[in-house]
Amino acid sequence: MALPDDYGSDRFVALVRDPSTVFAYWNISKKLRMDLALRVGKVTLAKSEWVMRFTNLGTGAVSDTIIDPDACNWYVSVLSDCAYESELGVLLPSGRYQRVIAGNRVEVPPSTYSHLYDKQWMILKEDYLRLLALGWAGFIGSSFTVADDSGNEATWVTVLHEGEKDGAGPTSPGVPAYKGRK
């Protein structure tokens, strides 16, 4: 079963692929093409060039990429770290631009690494023991305390099953406890 040539809707969507590329896809209904031919003239439309237009919202710069309207999708190079308004239109032989379908806004990320990072926090002894009690009731632990450069203390707990001395840890029912390397 072949895909239809026309889905009966008019749509233009732009998606960021990476910091330097936007992917766009569209569907232009036969009705819209006929309306456009009536508005600008069949001969004029035949001599016109179809374009994807991206307007940089920060600078106002406009970038037109000539496309084949029957391709239904296209990749276009853009500047990173910018926001763009997208649309599909035709450049008439007179040089005038005629918008056909309004698109969406895309925000292209920067092409560099983020200067932001998440801090890593140690778990406090009280929180660890509370979590331990929720899931591992019946186990006991030995502990040691460490401090970071700021003097903040956190306790690390080694969990042992009651009666164990080698740190083998809990096991599933029917599975023998780990006894270490021989």
C-alpha atoms as a PDB file:
ATOM      1  CA  MET A   1       0.000   0.000   0.000  1.00  0.00           C
ATOM      2  CA  ALA A   2       1.507   3.321  -1.082  1.00  0.00           C
ATOM      3  CA  LEU A   3       1.503   6.434   1.071  1.00  0.00           C
ATOM      4  CA  PRO A   4      -0.862   9.183  -0.047  1.00  0.00           C
ATOM      5  CA  ASP A   5       0.533  12.201  -1.904  1.00  0.00           C
ATOM      6  CA  ASP A   6      -1.564  14.560   0.208  1.00  0.00           C
ATOM      7  CA  TYR A   7      -2.897  14.212   3.742  1.00  0.00           C
ATOM      8  CA  GLY A   8      -5.414  17.019   3.277  1.00  0.00           C
ATOM      9  CA  SER A   9      -3.793  19.260   5.877  1.00  0.00           C
ATOM     10  CA  ASP A  10      -1.311  22.096   5.670  1.00  0.00           C
ATOM     11  CA  ARG A  11       1.561  21.813   8.074  1.00  0.00           C
ATOM     12  CA  PHE A  12       5.169  22.963   8.476  1.00  0.00           C
ATOM     13  CA  VAL A  13       7.211  21.732  11.452  1.00  0.00           C
ATOM     14  CA  ALA A  14      10.845  22.477  12.301  1.00  0.00           C
ATOM     15  CA  LEU A  15      12.810  20.333  14.772  1.00  0.00           C
ATOM     16  CA  VAL A  16      16.310  20.860  16.145  1.00  0.00           C
ATOM     17  CA  ARG A  17      18.585  17.973  15.156  1.00  0.00           C
ATOM     18  CA  ASP A  18      21.816  19.292  16.685  1.00  0.00           C
ATOM     19  CA  PRO A  19      23.432  22.692  17.464  1.00  0.00           C
ATOM     20  CA  SER A  20      23.978  23.439  13.771  1.00  0.00           C
ATOM     21  CA  THR A  21      21.092  21.696  11.991  1.00  0.00           C
ATOM     22  CA  VAL A  22      17.303  21.946  11.898  1.00  0.00           C
ATOM     23  CA  PHE A  23      15.141  19.276  10.289  1.00  0.00           C
ATOM     24  CA  ALA A  24      11.847  20.450   8.770  1.00  0.00           C
ATOM     25  CA  TYR A  25       8.926  18.520   7.337  1.00  0.00           C
ATOM     26  CA  TRP A  26       5.715  19.692   5.733  1.00  0.00           C
ATOM     27  CA  ASN A  27       2.530  18.796   3.947  1.00  0.00           C
ATOM     28  CA  ILE A  28       0.952  21.149   1.420  1.00  0.00           C
ATOM     29  CA  SER A  29      -2.579  20.182   0.449  1.00  0.00           C
ATOM     30  CA  LYS A  30      -3.759  20.334  -3.154  1.00  0.00           C
ATOM     31  CA  LYS A  31      -6.340  22.902  -2.064  1.00  0.00           C
ATOM     32  CA  LEU A  32      -3.662  25.241  -0.708  1.00  0.00           C
ATOM     33  CA  ARG A  33      -1.587  24.887  -3.885  1.00  0.00           C
ATOM     34  CA  MET A  34      -4.647  25.749  -6.011  1.00  0.00           C
ATOM     35  CA  ASP A  35      -5.497  28.739  -3.759  1.00  0.00           C
ATOM     36  CA  LEU A  36      -1.893  29.979  -4.032  1.00  0.00           C
ATOM     37  CA  ALA A  37      -1.956  29.605  -7.850  1.00  0.00           C
ATOM     38  CA  LEU A  38      -5.174  31.669  -7.965  1.00  0.00           C
ATOM     39  CA  ARG A  39      -3.700  34.328  -5.663  1.00  0.00           C
ATOM     40  CA  VAL A  40      -0.354  34.844  -7.444  1.00  0.00           C
ATOM     41  CA  GLY A  41      -1.163  33.359 -10.857  1.00  0.00           C
ATOM     42  CA  LYS A  42      -0.301  29.928 -12.297  1.00  0.00           C
ATOM     43  CA  VAL A  43       2.492  31.247 -14.521  1.00  0.00           C
ATOM     44  CA  THR A  44       3.996  33.315 -11.693  1.00  0.00           C
ATOM     45  CA  LEU A  45       3.860  30.356  -9.288  1.00  0.00           C
ATOM     46  CA  ALA A  46       5.533  28.115 -11.880  1.00  0.00           C
ATOM     47  CA  LYS A  47       8.430  30.615 -12.117  1.00  0.00           C
ATOM     48  CA  SER A  48       8.669  31.058  -8.309  1.00  0.00           C
ATOM     49  CA  GLU A  49      11.054  29.299  -5.950  1.00  0.00           C
ATOM     50  CA  TRP A  50       9.800  27.507  -2.840  1.00  0.00           C
ATOM     51  CA  VAL A  51      11.794  28.381   0.286  1.00  0.00           C
ATOM     52  CA  MET A  52      12.021  27.573   3.952  1.00  0.00           C
ATOM     53  CA  ARG A  53      12.480  30.832   5.827  1.00  0.00           C
ATOM     54  CA  PHE A  54      14.130  31.011   9.223  1.00  0.00           C
ATOM     55  CA  THR A  55      14.097  34.365  11.012  1.00  0.00           C
ATOM     56  CA  ASN A  56      16.667  34.759  13.791  1.00  0.00           C
ATOM     57  CA  LEU A  57      14.663  36.224  16.691  1.00  0.00           C
ATOM     58  CA  GLY A  58      17.773  37.749  18.297  1.00  0.00           C
ATOM     59  CA  THR A  59      19.148  39.598  15.281  1.00  0.00           C
ATOM     60  CA  GLY A  60      16.187  39.714  12.901  1.00  0.00           C
ATOM     61  CA  ALA A  61      18.342  38.158  10.177  1.00  0.00           C
ATOM     62  CA  VAL A  62      16.384  36.160   7.604  1.00  0.00           C
ATOM     63  CA  SER A  63      17.724  33.017   5.956  1.00  0.00           C
ATOM     64  CA  ASP A  64      15.967  31.449   2.957  1.00  0.00           C
ATOM     65  CA  THR A  65      16.756  27.921   1.777  1.00  0.00           C
ATOM     66  CA  ILE A  66      15.462  26.963  -1.673  1.00  0.00           C
ATOM     67  CA  ILE A  67      13.654  23.621  -1.539  1.00  0.00           C
ATOM     68  CA  ASP A  68      11.613  21.216  -3.629  1.00  0.00           C
ATOM     69  CA  PRO A  69       8.068  21.446  -2.209  1.00  0.00           C
ATOM     70  CA  ASP A  70       7.401  17.815  -3.128  1.00  0.00           C
ATOM     71  CA  ALA A  71      10.340  16.593  -1.044  1.00  0.00           C
ATOM     72  CA  CYS A  72       8.226  17.032   2.114  1.00  0.00           C
ATOM     73  CA  ASN A  73      11.315  17.322   4.363  1.00  0.00           C
ATOM     74  CA  TRP A  74      14.681  19.043   4.399  1.00  0.00           C
ATOM     75  CA  TYR A  75      17.727  19.718   6.580  1.00  0.00           C
ATOM     76  CA  VAL A  76      18.990  23.271   6.951  1.00  0.00           C
ATOM     77  CA  SER A  77      22.157  24.642   8.575  1.00  0.00           C
ATOM     78  CA  VAL A  78      21.648  27.278  11.269  1.00  0.00           C
ATOM     79  CA  LEU A  79      23.702  29.180  13.847  1.00  0.00           C
ATOM     80  CA  SER A  80      23.890  27.613  17.302  1.00  0.00           C
ATOM     81  CA  ASP A  81      22.545  29.225  20.480  1.00  0.00           C
ATOM     82  CA  CYS A  82      19.772  31.094  18.626  1.00  0.00           C
ATOM     83  CA  ALA A  83      15.984  31.073  18.464  1.00  0.00           C
ATOM     84  CA  TYR A  84      14.275  31.025  15.068  1.00  0.00           C
ATOM     85  CA  GLU A  85      10.767  31.474  13.711  1.00  0.00           C
ATOM     86  CA  SER A  86      10.168  29.120  10.783  1.00  0.00           C
ATOM     87  CA  GLU A  87       7.846  29.209   7.791  1.00  0.00           C
ATOM     88  CA  LEU A  88       7.392  27.873   4.278  1.00  0.00           C
ATOM     89  CA  GLY A  89       6.811  30.224   1.355  1.00  0.00           C
ATOM     90  CA  VAL A  90       7.567  31.175  -2.224  1.00  0.00           C
ATOM     91  CA  LEU A  91       9.912  33.782  -3.673  1.00  0.00           C
ATOM     92  CA  LEU A  92       8.078  35.315  -6.605  1.00  0.00           C
ATOM     93  CA  PRO A  93       9.957  36.379  -9.766  1.00  0.00           C
ATOM     94  CA  SER A  94       9.469  40.008  -8.664  1.00  0.00           C
ATOM     95  CA  GLY A  95      11.553  39.287  -5.540  1.00  0.00           C
ATOM     96  CA  ARG A  96       8.512  39.518  -3.246  1.00  0.00           C
ATOM     97  CA  TYR A  97       8.132  36.794  -0.606  1.00  0.00           C
ATOM     98  CA  GLN A  98       4.740  35.131  -0.098  1.00  0.00           C
ATOM     99  CA  ARG A  99       4.273  33.085   3.071  1.00  0.00           C
ATOM    100  CA  VAL A 100       2.408  29.828   2.455  1.00  0.00           C
ATOM    101  CA  ILE A 101       2.480  28.058   5.855  1.00  0.00           C
ATOM    102  CA  ALA A 102       3.576  29.469   9.207  1.00  0.00           C
ATOM    103  CA  GLY A 103       5.835  27.132  11.152  1.00  0.00           C
ATOM    104  CA  ASN A 104       6.925  26.951  14.740  1.00  0.00           C
ATOM    105  CA  ARG A 105       9.624  28.520  16.872  1.00  0.00           C
ATOM    106  CA  VAL A 106      12.809  26.502  17.410  1.00  0.00           C
ATOM    107  CA  GLU A 107      15.541  27.145  19.954  1.00  0.00           C
ATOM    108  CA  VAL A 108      18.914  25.799  18.863  1.00  0.00           C
ATOM    109  CA  PRO A 109      21.237  24.909  21.778  1.00  0.00           C
ATOM    110  CA  PRO A 110      24.804  26.160  22.103  1.00  0.00           C
ATOM    111  CA  SER A 111      27.535  24.057  20.503  1.00  0.00           C
ATOM    112  CA  THR A 112      29.692  24.081  23.657  1.00  0.00           C
ATOM    113  CA  TYR A 113      29.567  22.196  26.912  1.00  0.00           C
ATOM    114  CA  SER A 114      27.418  23.645  29.656  1.00  0.00           C
ATOM    115  CA  HIS A 115      29.244  25.453  32.428  1.00  0.00           C
ATOM    116  CA  LEU A 116      26.569  24.210  34.859  1.00  0.00           C
ATOM    117  CA  TYR A 117      26.927  20.931  36.666  1.00  0.00           C
ATOM    118  CA  ASP A 118      25.059  19.116  39.406  1.00  0.00           C
ATOM    119  CA  LYS A 119      26.707  18.848  42.769  1.00  0.00           C
ATOM    120  CA  GLN A 120      27.024  15.368  44.180  1.00  0.00           C
ATOM    121  CA  TRP A 121      25.988  14.921  47.768  1.00  0.00           C
ATOM    122  CA  MET A 122      26.812  12.125  50.164  1.00  0.00           C
ATOM    123  CA  ILE A 123      23.945  10.516  52.012  1.00  0.00           C
ATOM    124  CA  LEU A 124      23.741  11.283  55.733  1.00  0.00           C
ATOM    125  CA  LYS A 125      23.861   8.458  58.232  1.00  0.00           C
ATOM    126  CA  GLU A 126      20.316   9.122  59.490  1.00  0.00           C
ATOM    127  CA  ASP A 127      18.878   9.044  55.966  1.00  0.00           C
ATOM    128  CA  TYR A 128      20.865   5.935  55.065  1.00  0.00           C
ATOM    129  CA  LEU A 129      19.690   4.064  58.145  1.00  0.00           C
ATOM    130  CA  ARG A 130      16.079   5.110  57.479  1.00  0.00           C
ATOM    131  CA  LEU A 131      16.327   3.811  53.888  1.00  0.00           C
ATOM    132  CA  LEU A 132      18.044   0.697  55.152  1.00  0.00           C
ATOM    133  CA  ALA A 133      15.215   0.047  57.605  1.00  0.00           C
ATOM    134  CA  LEU A 134      12.640   0.424  54.827  1.00  0.00           C
ATOM    135  CA  GLY A 135      14.155  -2.209  52.578  1.00  0.00           C
ATOM    136  CA  TRP A 136      16.714  -4.239  54.475  1.00  0.00           C
ATOM    137  CA  ALA A 137      15.204  -4.801  57.908  1.00  0.00           C
ATOM    138  CA  GLY A 138      17.179  -7.351  59.891  1.00  0.00           C
ATOM    139  CA  PHE A 139      20.636  -6.238  58.766  1.00  0.00           C
ATOM    140  CA  ILE A 140      23.253  -4.536  60.861  1.00  0.00           C
ATOM    141  CA  GLY A 141      26.038  -2.305  59.715  1.00  0.00           C
ATOM    142  CA  SER A 142      29.481  -1.076  60.604  1.00  0.00           C
ATOM    143  CA  SER A 143      30.286   2.485  59.697  1.00  0.00           C
ATOM    144  CA  PHE A 144      32.989   5.082  59.244  1.00  0.00           C
ATOM    145  CA  THR A 145      32.783   8.847  58.977  1.00  0.00           C
ATOM    146  CA  VAL A 146      34.344  10.983  56.263  1.00  0.00           C
ATOM    147  CA  ALA A 147      34.472  14.752  55.877  1.00  0.00           C
ATOM    148  CA  ASP A 148      34.868  16.928  52.797  1.00  0.00           C
ATOM    149  CA  ASP A 149      37.052  20.060  52.514  1.00  0.00           C
ATOM    150  CA  SER A 150      34.333  22.193  54.104  1.00  0.00           C
ATOM    151  CA  GLY A 151      34.167  20.034  57.208  1.00  0.00           C
ATOM    152  CA  ASN A 152      30.778  18.541  56.302  1.00  0.00           C
ATOM    153  CA  GLU A 153      30.576  15.033  57.677  1.00  0.00           C
ATOM    154  CA  ALA A 154      28.786  12.044  56.225  1.00  0.00           C
ATOM    155  CA  THR A 155      28.751   8.464  57.373  1.00  0.00           C
ATOM    156  CA  TRP A 156      29.240   5.525  55.052  1.00  0.00           C
ATOM    157  CA  VAL A 157      27.741   2.284  56.248  1.00  0.00           C
ATOM    158  CA  THR A 158      28.880  -1.213  55.353  1.00  0.00           C
ATOM    159  CA  VAL A 159      25.907  -3.545  55.532  1.00  0.00           C
ATOM    160  CA  LEU A 160      26.354  -7.028  56.959  1.00  0.00           C
ATOM    161  CA  HIS A 161      23.780  -9.746  57.436  1.00  0.00           C
ATOM    162  CA  GLU A 162      23.465 -10.647  61.102  1.00  0.00           C
ATOM    163  CA  GLY A 163      26.085 -13.194  61.996  1.00  0.00           C
ATOM    164  CA  GLU A 164      28.286 -12.548  58.922  1.00  0.00           C
ATOM    165  CA  LYS A 165      31.864 -11.440  59.394  1.00  0.00           C
ATOM    166  CA  ASP A 166      33.258 -11.326  55.853  1.00  0.00           C
ATOM    167  CA  GLY A 167      30.967  -8.669  54.382  1.00  0.00           C
ATOM    168  CA  ALA A 168      29.329 -11.076  51.942  1.00  0.00           C
ATOM    169  CA  GLY A 169      26.033  -9.228  52.307  1.00  0.00           C
ATOM    170  CA  PRO A 170      22.495 -10.474  51.973  1.00  0.00           C
ATOM    171  CA  THR A 171      21.558 -13.225  49.567  1.00  0.00           C
ATOM    172  CA  SER A 172      18.369 -14.374  47.906  1.00  0.00           C
ATOM    173  CA  PRO A 173      16.589 -17.386  49.395  1.00  0.00           C
ATOM    174  CA  GLY A 174      18.106 -20.593  48.065  1.00  0.00           C
ATOM    175  CA  VAL A 175      21.282 -18.862  46.811  1.00  0.00           C
ATOM    176  CA  PRO A 176      24.396 -19.656  48.849  1.00  0.00           C
ATOM    177  CA  ALA A 177      26.212 -16.701  50.403  1.00  0.00           C
ATOM    178  CA  TYR A 178      29.373 -15.465  48.675  1.00  0.00           C
ATOM    179  CA  LYS A 179      32.429 -16.692  50.571  1.00  0.00           C
ATOM    180  CA  GLY A 180      35.064 -14.725  48.693  1.00  0.00           C
ATOM    181  CA  ARG A 181      37.781 -15.869  46.267  1.00  0.00           C
ATOM    182  CA  LYS A 182      39.529 -19.143  46.933  1.00  0.00           C
END
